[in-house]
Amino acid sequence: MLYGANPTPYRTVVHEAALHMRVGGRSVARAQLQHLLDMSEPEHITIRVLPFGVGAFPGSGQSINYLHGPCRSSTPRNWTSSL
């Protein structure tokens, strides 16, 4: 889906807090951040960081997914999830 002749565009937003969480120590955190940088290299993949400074925002504390198909007639789908 993300690679090949006609890759699917992928856009995501990661909260800055997620980038500060350390699981497995500094070397693991460094490897995870490098992986995000590597994954964002292709033009069809966009990773944005939502900074702490934005304060509260709609959807705080939950995951929001927005999917749509390759043709204009497909109906977009949204769903949220939280722990």
PDB file of N, CA and C in Angstrom:
ATOM      1  N   MET A   1       0.805  -1.194   0.000  1.00  0.00           N
ATOM      2  CA  MET A   1       0.000   0.000   0.000  1.00  0.00           C
ATOM      3  C   MET A   1       0.854   1.266   0.000  1.00  0.00           C
ATOM      4  N   LEU A   2       1.879   1.316   0.824  1.00  0.00           N
ATOM      5  CA  LEU A   2       2.672   2.535   0.923  1.00  0.00           C
ATOM      6  C   LEU A   2       3.811   2.602  -0.083  1.00  0.00           C
ATOM      7  N   TYR A   3       4.117   1.481  -0.697  1.00  0.00           N
ATOM      8  CA  TYR A   3       5.239   1.448  -1.630  1.00  0.00           C
ATOM      9  C   TYR A   3       4.824   0.756  -2.911  1.00  0.00           C
ATOM     10  N   GLY A   4       5.600   0.915  -3.946  1.00  0.00           N
ATOM     11  CA  GLY A   4       5.286   0.309  -5.228  1.00  0.00           C
ATOM     12  C   GLY A   4       5.041   1.369  -6.284  1.00  0.00           C
ATOM     13  N   ALA A   5       4.465   0.937  -7.401  1.00  0.00           N
ATOM     14  CA  ALA A   5       4.267   1.825  -8.550  1.00  0.00           C
ATOM     15  C   ALA A   5       3.278   2.954  -8.263  1.00  0.00           C
ATOM     16  N   ASN A   6       2.224   2.665  -7.518  1.00  0.00           N
ATOM     17  CA  ASN A   6       1.191   3.665  -7.248  1.00  0.00           C
ATOM     18  C   ASN A   6       0.873   3.661  -5.749  1.00  0.00           C
ATOM     19  N   PRO A   7       1.768   4.198  -4.909  1.00  0.00           N
ATOM     20  CA  PRO A   7       1.568   4.111  -3.465  1.00  0.00           C
ATOM     21  C   PRO A   7       0.408   4.977  -2.978  1.00  0.00           C
ATOM     22  N   THR A   8      -0.223   4.523  -1.925  1.00  0.00           N
ATOM     23  CA  THR A   8      -1.324   5.249  -1.307  1.00  0.00           C
ATOM     24  C   THR A   8      -0.775   6.428  -0.503  1.00  0.00           C
ATOM     25  N   PRO A   9      -1.315   7.629  -0.689  1.00  0.00           N
ATOM     26  CA  PRO A   9      -0.878   8.758   0.145  1.00  0.00           C
ATOM     27  C   PRO A   9      -1.197   8.471   1.613  1.00  0.00           C
ATOM     28  N   TYR A  10      -0.292   8.834   2.491  1.00  0.00           N
ATOM     29  CA  TYR A  10      -0.478   8.610   3.922  1.00  0.00           C
ATOM     30  C   TYR A  10      -0.102   9.882   4.663  1.00  0.00           C
ATOM     31  N   ARG A  11      -1.025  10.375   5.478  1.00  0.00           N
ATOM     32  CA  ARG A  11      -0.784  11.570   6.285  1.00  0.00           C
ATOM     33  C   ARG A  11      -1.171  11.263   7.720  1.00  0.00           C
ATOM     34  N   THR A  12      -0.326  11.668   8.646  1.00  0.00           N
ATOM     35  CA  THR A  12      -0.628  11.434  10.046  1.00  0.00           C
ATOM     36  C   THR A  12      -0.143  12.606  10.886  1.00  0.00           C
ATOM     37  N   VAL A  13      -0.750  12.750  12.054  1.00  0.00           N
ATOM     38  CA  VAL A  13      -0.352  13.766  13.020  1.00  0.00           C
ATOM     39  C   VAL A  13      -0.004  13.043  14.314  1.00  0.00           C
ATOM     40  N   VAL A  14       1.167  13.349  14.846  1.00  0.00           N
ATOM     41  CA  VAL A  14       1.635  12.755  16.096  1.00  0.00           C
ATOM     42  C   VAL A  14       1.780  13.885  17.109  1.00  0.00           C
ATOM     43  N   HIS A  15       1.222  13.689  18.300  1.00  0.00           N
ATOM     44  CA  HIS A  15       1.367  14.721  19.328  1.00  0.00           C
ATOM     45  C   HIS A  15       2.803  14.712  19.841  1.00  0.00           C
ATOM     46  N   GLU A  16       3.315  15.893  20.124  1.00  0.00           N
ATOM     47  CA  GLU A  16       4.688  16.026  20.607  1.00  0.00           C
ATOM     48  C   GLU A  16       4.944  15.170  21.847  1.00  0.00           C
ATOM     49  N   ALA A  17       3.921  14.983  22.684  1.00  0.00           N
ATOM     50  CA  ALA A  17       4.075  14.167  23.892  1.00  0.00           C
ATOM     51  C   ALA A  17       4.516  12.746  23.554  1.00  0.00           C
ATOM     52  N   ALA A  18       4.010  12.212  22.453  1.00  0.00           N
ATOM     53  CA  ALA A  18       4.377  10.848  22.057  1.00  0.00           C
ATOM     54  C   ALA A  18       5.858  10.747  21.716  1.00  0.00           C
ATOM     55  N   LEU A  19       6.436  11.834  21.245  1.00  0.00           N
ATOM     56  CA  LEU A  19       7.853  11.821  20.884  1.00  0.00           C
ATOM     57  C   LEU A  19       8.761  11.917  22.103  1.00  0.00           C
ATOM     58  N   HIS A  20       8.217  12.348  23.230  1.00  0.00           N
ATOM     59  CA  HIS A  20       9.001  12.473  24.459  1.00  0.00           C
ATOM     60  C   HIS A  20       8.919  11.231  25.342  1.00  0.00           C
ATOM     61  N   MET A  21       8.018  10.317  25.060  1.00  0.00           N
ATOM     62  CA  MET A  21       7.891   9.104  25.871  1.00  0.00           C
ATOM     63  C   MET A  21       9.050   8.167  25.565  1.00  0.00           C
ATOM     64  N   ARG A  22       9.727   7.729  26.608  1.00  0.00           N
ATOM     65  CA  ARG A  22      10.851   6.819  26.416  1.00  0.00           C
ATOM     66  C   ARG A  22      10.444   5.423  26.853  1.00  0.00           C
ATOM     67  N   VAL A  23      10.507   4.528  25.929  1.00  0.00           N
ATOM     68  CA  VAL A  23      10.239   3.116  26.208  1.00  0.00           C
ATOM     69  C   VAL A  23      11.462   2.355  25.720  1.00  0.00           C
ATOM     70  N   GLY A  24      12.218   1.777  26.633  1.00  0.00           N
ATOM     71  CA  GLY A  24      13.380   1.003  26.228  1.00  0.00           C
ATOM     72  C   GLY A  24      14.689   1.765  26.238  1.00  0.00           C
ATOM     73  N   GLY A  25      14.707   2.982  26.713  1.00  0.00           N
ATOM     74  CA  GLY A  25      15.957   3.719  26.824  1.00  0.00           C
ATOM     75  C   GLY A  25      16.233   4.643  25.651  1.00  0.00           C
ATOM     76  N   ARG A  26      17.370   5.361  25.765  1.00  0.00           N
ATOM     77  CA  ARG A  26      17.730   6.374  24.773  1.00  0.00           C
ATOM     78  C   ARG A  26      17.976   5.792  23.390  1.00  0.00           C
ATOM     79  N   SER A  27      18.633   4.649  23.325  1.00  0.00           N
ATOM     80  CA  SER A  27      18.951   4.073  22.008  1.00  0.00           C
ATOM     81  C   SER A  27      17.684   3.639  21.275  1.00  0.00           C
ATOM     82  N   VAL A  28      16.715   3.128  22.014  1.00  0.00           N
ATOM     83  CA  VAL A  28      15.445   2.731  21.396  1.00  0.00           C
ATOM     84  C   VAL A  28      14.694   3.973  20.920  1.00  0.00           C
ATOM     85  N   ALA A  29      14.654   5.017  21.758  1.00  0.00           N
ATOM     86  CA  ALA A  29      13.985   6.266  21.370  1.00  0.00           C
ATOM     87  C   ALA A  29      14.643   6.858  20.129  1.00  0.00           C
ATOM     88  N   ARG A  30      15.963   6.844  20.091  1.00  0.00           N
ATOM     89  CA  ARG A  30      16.685   7.373  18.933  1.00  0.00           C
ATOM     90  C   ARG A  30      16.339   6.580  17.675  1.00  0.00           C
ATOM     91  N   ALA A  31      16.301   5.257  17.796  1.00  0.00           N
ATOM     92  CA  ALA A  31      15.967   4.404  16.646  1.00  0.00           C
ATOM     93  C   ALA A  31      14.534   4.642  16.176  1.00  0.00           C
ATOM     94  N   GLN A  32      13.607   4.833  17.122  1.00  0.00           N
ATOM     95  CA  GLN A  32      12.215   5.080  16.751  1.00  0.00           C
ATOM     96  C   GLN A  32      12.066   6.419  16.024  1.00  0.00           C
ATOM     97  N   LEU A  33      12.742   7.453  16.511  1.00  0.00           N
ATOM     98  CA  LEU A  33      12.682   8.755  15.848  1.00  0.00           C
ATOM     99  C   LEU A  33      13.318   8.692  14.464  1.00  0.00           C
ATOM    100  N   GLN A  34      14.422   7.967  14.347  1.00  0.00           N
ATOM    101  CA  GLN A  34      15.057   7.815  13.041  1.00  0.00           C
ATOM    102  C   GLN A  34      14.135   7.082  12.077  1.00  0.00           C
ATOM    103  N   HIS A  35      13.408   6.091  12.593  1.00  0.00           N
ATOM    104  CA  HIS A  35      12.453   5.350  11.757  1.00  0.00           C
ATOM    105  C   HIS A  35      11.365   6.286  11.226  1.00  0.00           C
ATOM    106  N   LEU A  36      10.844   7.169  12.080  1.00  0.00           N
ATOM    107  CA  LEU A  36       9.837   8.141  11.628  1.00  0.00           C
ATOM    108  C   LEU A  36      10.408   9.051  10.546  1.00  0.00           C
ATOM    109  N   LEU A  37      11.637   9.506  10.736  1.00  0.00           N
ATOM    110  CA  LEU A  37      12.273  10.344   9.715  1.00  0.00           C
ATOM    111  C   LEU A  37      12.430   9.585   8.403  1.00  0.00           C
ATOM    112  N   ASP A  38      12.878   8.344   8.490  1.00  0.00           N
ATOM    113  CA  ASP A  38      13.056   7.526   7.284  1.00  0.00           C
ATOM    114  C   ASP A  38      11.727   7.285   6.579  1.00  0.00           C
ATOM    115  N   MET A  39      10.681   7.008   7.367  1.00  0.00           N
ATOM    116  CA  MET A  39       9.362   6.737   6.789  1.00  0.00           C
ATOM    117  C   MET A  39       8.782   7.972   6.104  1.00  0.00           C
ATOM    118  N   SER A  40       9.176   9.157   6.547  1.00  0.00           N
ATOM    119  CA  SER A  40       8.613  10.383   5.970  1.00  0.00           C
ATOM    120  C   SER A  40       9.381  10.865   4.739  1.00  0.00           C
ATOM    121  N   GLU A  41      10.402  10.146   4.322  1.00  0.00           N
ATOM    122  CA  GLU A  41      11.190  10.539   3.144  1.00  0.00           C
ATOM    123  C   GLU A  41      10.375  10.567   1.846  1.00  0.00           C
ATOM    124  N   PRO A  42       9.594   9.517   1.530  1.00  0.00           N
ATOM    125  CA  PRO A  42       8.837   9.541   0.268  1.00  0.00           C
ATOM    126  C   PRO A  42       7.834  10.701   0.246  1.00  0.00           C
ATOM    127  N   GLU A  43       7.617  11.269  -0.934  1.00  0.00           N
ATOM    128  CA  GLU A  43       6.724  12.428  -1.072  1.00  0.00           C
ATOM    129  C   GLU A  43       5.282  12.135  -0.680  1.00  0.00           C
ATOM    130  N   HIS A  44       4.843  10.885  -0.799  1.00  0.00           N
ATOM    131  CA  HIS A  44       3.443  10.552  -0.526  1.00  0.00           C
ATOM    132  C   HIS A  44       3.177  10.289   0.955  1.00  0.00           C
ATOM    133  N   ILE A  45       4.212  10.376   1.795  1.00  0.00           N
ATOM    134  CA  ILE A  45       4.048  10.159   3.235  1.00  0.00           C
ATOM    135  C   ILE A  45       4.345  11.462   3.967  1.00  0.00           C
ATOM    136  N   THR A  46       3.388  11.903   4.792  1.00  0.00           N
ATOM    137  CA  THR A  46       3.537  13.135   5.562  1.00  0.00           C
ATOM    138  C   THR A  46       3.311  12.831   7.033  1.00  0.00           C
ATOM    139  N   ILE A  47       4.282  13.193   7.859  1.00  0.00           N
ATOM    140  CA  ILE A  47       4.146  13.056   9.308  1.00  0.00           C
ATOM    141  C   ILE A  47       4.276  14.453   9.897  1.00  0.00           C
ATOM    142  N   ARG A  48       3.227  14.899  10.576  1.00  0.00           N
ATOM    143  CA  ARG A  48       3.238  16.216  11.217  1.00  0.00           C
ATOM    144  C   ARG A  48       3.247  16.028  12.723  1.00  0.00           C
ATOM    145  N   VAL A  49       3.830  17.000  13.412  1.00  0.00           N
ATOM    146  CA  VAL A  49       3.883  16.965  14.873  1.00  0.00           C
ATOM    147  C   VAL A  49       3.004  18.083  15.413  1.00  0.00           C
ATOM    148  N   LEU A  50       2.072  17.713  16.291  1.00  0.00           N
ATOM    149  CA  LEU A  50       1.209  18.682  16.963  1.00  0.00           C
ATOM    150  C   LEU A  50       1.942  19.134  18.224  1.00  0.00           C
ATOM    151  N   PRO A  51       2.376  20.392  18.302  1.00  0.00           N
ATOM    152  CA  PRO A  51       3.194  20.840  19.432  1.00  0.00           C
ATOM    153  C   PRO A  51       2.392  21.016  20.722  1.00  0.00           C
ATOM    154  N   PHE A  52       3.102  20.927  21.844  1.00  0.00           N
ATOM    155  CA  PHE A  52       2.482  21.151  23.149  1.00  0.00           C
ATOM    156  C   PHE A  52       1.759  22.490  23.195  1.00  0.00           C
ATOM    157  N   GLY A  53       2.306  23.497  22.536  1.00  0.00           N
ATOM    158  CA  GLY A  53       1.795  24.857  22.602  1.00  0.00           C
ATOM    159  C   GLY A  53       0.382  25.057  22.098  1.00  0.00           C
ATOM    160  N   VAL A  54      -0.200  24.089  21.392  1.00  0.00           N
ATOM    161  CA  VAL A  54      -1.560  24.289  20.881  1.00  0.00           C
ATOM    162  C   VAL A  54      -2.601  24.192  21.981  1.00  0.00           C
ATOM    163  N   GLY A  55      -2.222  23.634  23.122  1.00  0.00           N
ATOM    164  CA  GLY A  55      -3.171  23.499  24.220  1.00  0.00           C
ATOM    165  C   GLY A  55      -4.231  22.450  23.915  1.00  0.00           C
ATOM    166  N   ALA A  56      -5.405  22.611  24.539  1.00  0.00           N
ATOM    167  CA  ALA A  56      -6.492  21.651  24.328  1.00  0.00           C
ATOM    168  C   ALA A  56      -7.030  21.792  22.907  1.00  0.00           C
ATOM    169  N   PHE A  57      -7.454  20.680  22.347  1.00  0.00           N
ATOM    170  CA  PHE A  57      -7.985  20.671  20.989  1.00  0.00           C
ATOM    171  C   PHE A  57      -9.053  19.595  20.891  1.00  0.00           C
ATOM    172  N   PRO A  58      -9.980  19.715  19.940  1.00  0.00           N
ATOM    173  CA  PRO A  58     -10.998  18.678  19.771  1.00  0.00           C
ATOM    174  C   PRO A  58     -10.322  17.340  19.501  1.00  0.00           C
ATOM    175  N   GLY A  59     -10.747  16.334  20.208  1.00  0.00           N
ATOM    176  CA  GLY A  59     -10.160  15.013  20.026  1.00  0.00           C
ATOM    177  C   GLY A  59      -9.030  14.712  20.987  1.00  0.00           C
ATOM    178  N   SER A  60      -8.754  15.620  21.927  1.00  0.00           N
ATOM    179  CA  SER A  60      -7.700  15.346  22.904  1.00  0.00           C
ATOM    180  C   SER A  60      -7.997  14.041  23.625  1.00  0.00           C
ATOM    181  N   GLY A  61      -6.990  13.207  23.769  1.00  0.00           N
ATOM    182  CA  GLY A  61      -7.146  11.966  24.515  1.00  0.00           C
ATOM    183  C   GLY A  61      -7.722  10.817  23.716  1.00  0.00           C
ATOM    184  N   GLN A  62      -7.861  10.963  22.421  1.00  0.00           N
ATOM    185  CA  GLN A  62      -8.382   9.862  21.622  1.00  0.00           C
ATOM    186  C   GLN A  62      -7.736   9.845  20.246  1.00  0.00           C
ATOM    187  N   SER A  63      -7.854   8.722  19.609  1.00  0.00           N
ATOM    188  CA  SER A  63      -7.358   8.568  18.247  1.00  0.00           C
ATOM    189  C   SER A  63      -8.495   8.878  17.283  1.00  0.00           C
ATOM    190  N   ILE A  64      -8.215   9.665  16.257  1.00  0.00           N
ATOM    191  CA  ILE A  64      -9.217   9.976  15.238  1.00  0.00           C
ATOM    192  C   ILE A  64      -8.675   9.503  13.902  1.00  0.00           C
ATOM    193  N   ASN A  65      -9.426   8.672  13.234  1.00  0.00           N
ATOM    194  CA  ASN A  65      -9.018   8.143  11.934  1.00  0.00           C
ATOM    195  C   ASN A  65      -9.973   8.639  10.861  1.00  0.00           C
ATOM    196  N   TYR A  66      -9.420   9.090   9.755  1.00  0.00           N
ATOM    197  CA  TYR A  66     -10.204   9.578   8.629  1.00  0.00           C
ATOM    198  C   TYR A  66      -9.713   8.837   7.401  1.00  0.00           C
ATOM    199  N   LEU A  67     -10.581   8.088   6.781  1.00  0.00           N
ATOM    200  CA  LEU A  67     -10.214   7.308   5.604  1.00  0.00           C
ATOM    201  C   LEU A  67     -11.099   7.680   4.438  1.00  0.00           C
ATOM    202  N   HIS A  68     -10.517   7.714   3.263  1.00  0.00           N
ATOM    203  CA  HIS A  68     -11.324   7.897   2.064  1.00  0.00           C
ATOM    204  C   HIS A  68     -10.690   7.105   0.940  1.00  0.00           C
ATOM    205  N   GLY A  69     -11.502   6.747  -0.018  1.00  0.00           N
ATOM    206  CA  GLY A  69     -11.060   5.912  -1.124  1.00  0.00           C
ATOM    207  C   GLY A  69     -10.410   6.698  -2.241  1.00  0.00           C
ATOM    208  N   PRO A  70      -9.937   5.987  -3.258  1.00  0.00           N
ATOM    209  CA  PRO A  70      -9.205   6.621  -4.348  1.00  0.00           C
ATOM    210  C   PRO A  70     -10.067   7.406  -5.336  1.00  0.00           C
ATOM    211  N   CYS A  71     -11.376   7.223  -5.313  1.00  0.00           N
ATOM    212  CA  CYS A  71     -12.215   7.941  -6.276  1.00  0.00           C
ATOM    213  C   CYS A  71     -13.110   8.942  -5.543  1.00  0.00           C
ATOM    214  N   ARG A  72     -13.505   9.981  -6.240  1.00  0.00           N
ATOM    215  CA  ARG A  72     -14.300  11.047  -5.626  1.00  0.00           C
ATOM    216  C   ARG A  72     -15.667  10.567  -5.137  1.00  0.00           C
ATOM    217  N   SER A  73     -16.184   9.506  -5.723  1.00  0.00           N
ATOM    218  CA  SER A  73     -17.519   9.047  -5.330  1.00  0.00           C
ATOM    219  C   SER A  73     -17.503   8.229  -4.042  1.00  0.00           C
ATOM    220  N   SER A  74     -16.323   7.847  -3.563  1.00  0.00           N
ATOM    221  CA  SER A  74     -16.274   7.064  -2.330  1.00  0.00           C
ATOM    222  C   SER A  74     -16.593   7.967  -1.139  1.00  0.00           C
ATOM    223  N   THR A  75     -17.320   7.440  -0.191  1.00  0.00           N
ATOM    224  CA  THR A  75     -17.741   8.196   0.977  1.00  0.00           C
ATOM    225  C   THR A  75     -16.651   8.150   2.042  1.00  0.00           C
ATOM    226  N   PRO A  76     -16.186   9.315   2.539  1.00  0.00           N
ATOM    227  CA  PRO A  76     -15.186   9.313   3.610  1.00  0.00           C
ATOM    228  C   PRO A  76     -15.735   8.645   4.865  1.00  0.00           C
ATOM    229  N   ARG A  77     -14.868   8.003   5.609  1.00  0.00           N
ATOM    230  CA  ARG A  77     -15.240   7.340   6.859  1.00  0.00           C
ATOM    231  C   ARG A  77     -14.409   7.927   7.986  1.00  0.00           C
ATOM    232  N   ASN A  78     -15.040   8.158   9.118  1.00  0.00           N
ATOM    233  CA  ASN A  78     -14.362   8.670  10.305  1.00  0.00           C
ATOM    234  C   ASN A  78     -14.710   7.782  11.483  1.00  0.00           C
ATOM    235  N   TRP A  79     -13.764   7.609  12.377  1.00  0.00           N
ATOM    236  CA  TRP A  79     -14.085   6.980  13.643  1.00  0.00           C
ATOM    237  C   TRP A  79     -13.083   7.432  14.686  1.00  0.00           C
ATOM    238  N   THR A  80     -13.498   7.352  15.938  1.00  0.00           N
ATOM    239  CA  THR A  80     -12.624   7.721  17.046  1.00  0.00           C
ATOM    240  C   THR A  80     -12.499   6.538  17.979  1.00  0.00           C
ATOM    241  N   SER A  81     -11.427   6.531  18.723  1.00  0.00           N
ATOM    242  CA  SER A  81     -11.252   5.505  19.744  1.00  0.00           C
ATOM    243  C   SER A  81     -10.476   6.125  20.888  1.00  0.00           C
ATOM    244  N   SER A  82     -10.710   5.643  22.076  1.00  0.00           N
ATOM    245  CA  SER A  82      -9.987   6.139  23.242  1.00  0.00           C
ATOM    246  C   SER A  82      -9.830   5.005  24.235  1.00  0.00           C
ATOM    247  N   LEU A  83      -8.871   5.169  25.117  1.00  0.00           N
ATOM    248  CA  LEU A  83      -8.625   4.151  26.147  1.00  0.00           C
ATOM    249  C   LEU A  83      -9.381   4.464  27.393  1.00  0.00           C
TER     250      LEU A  83
END
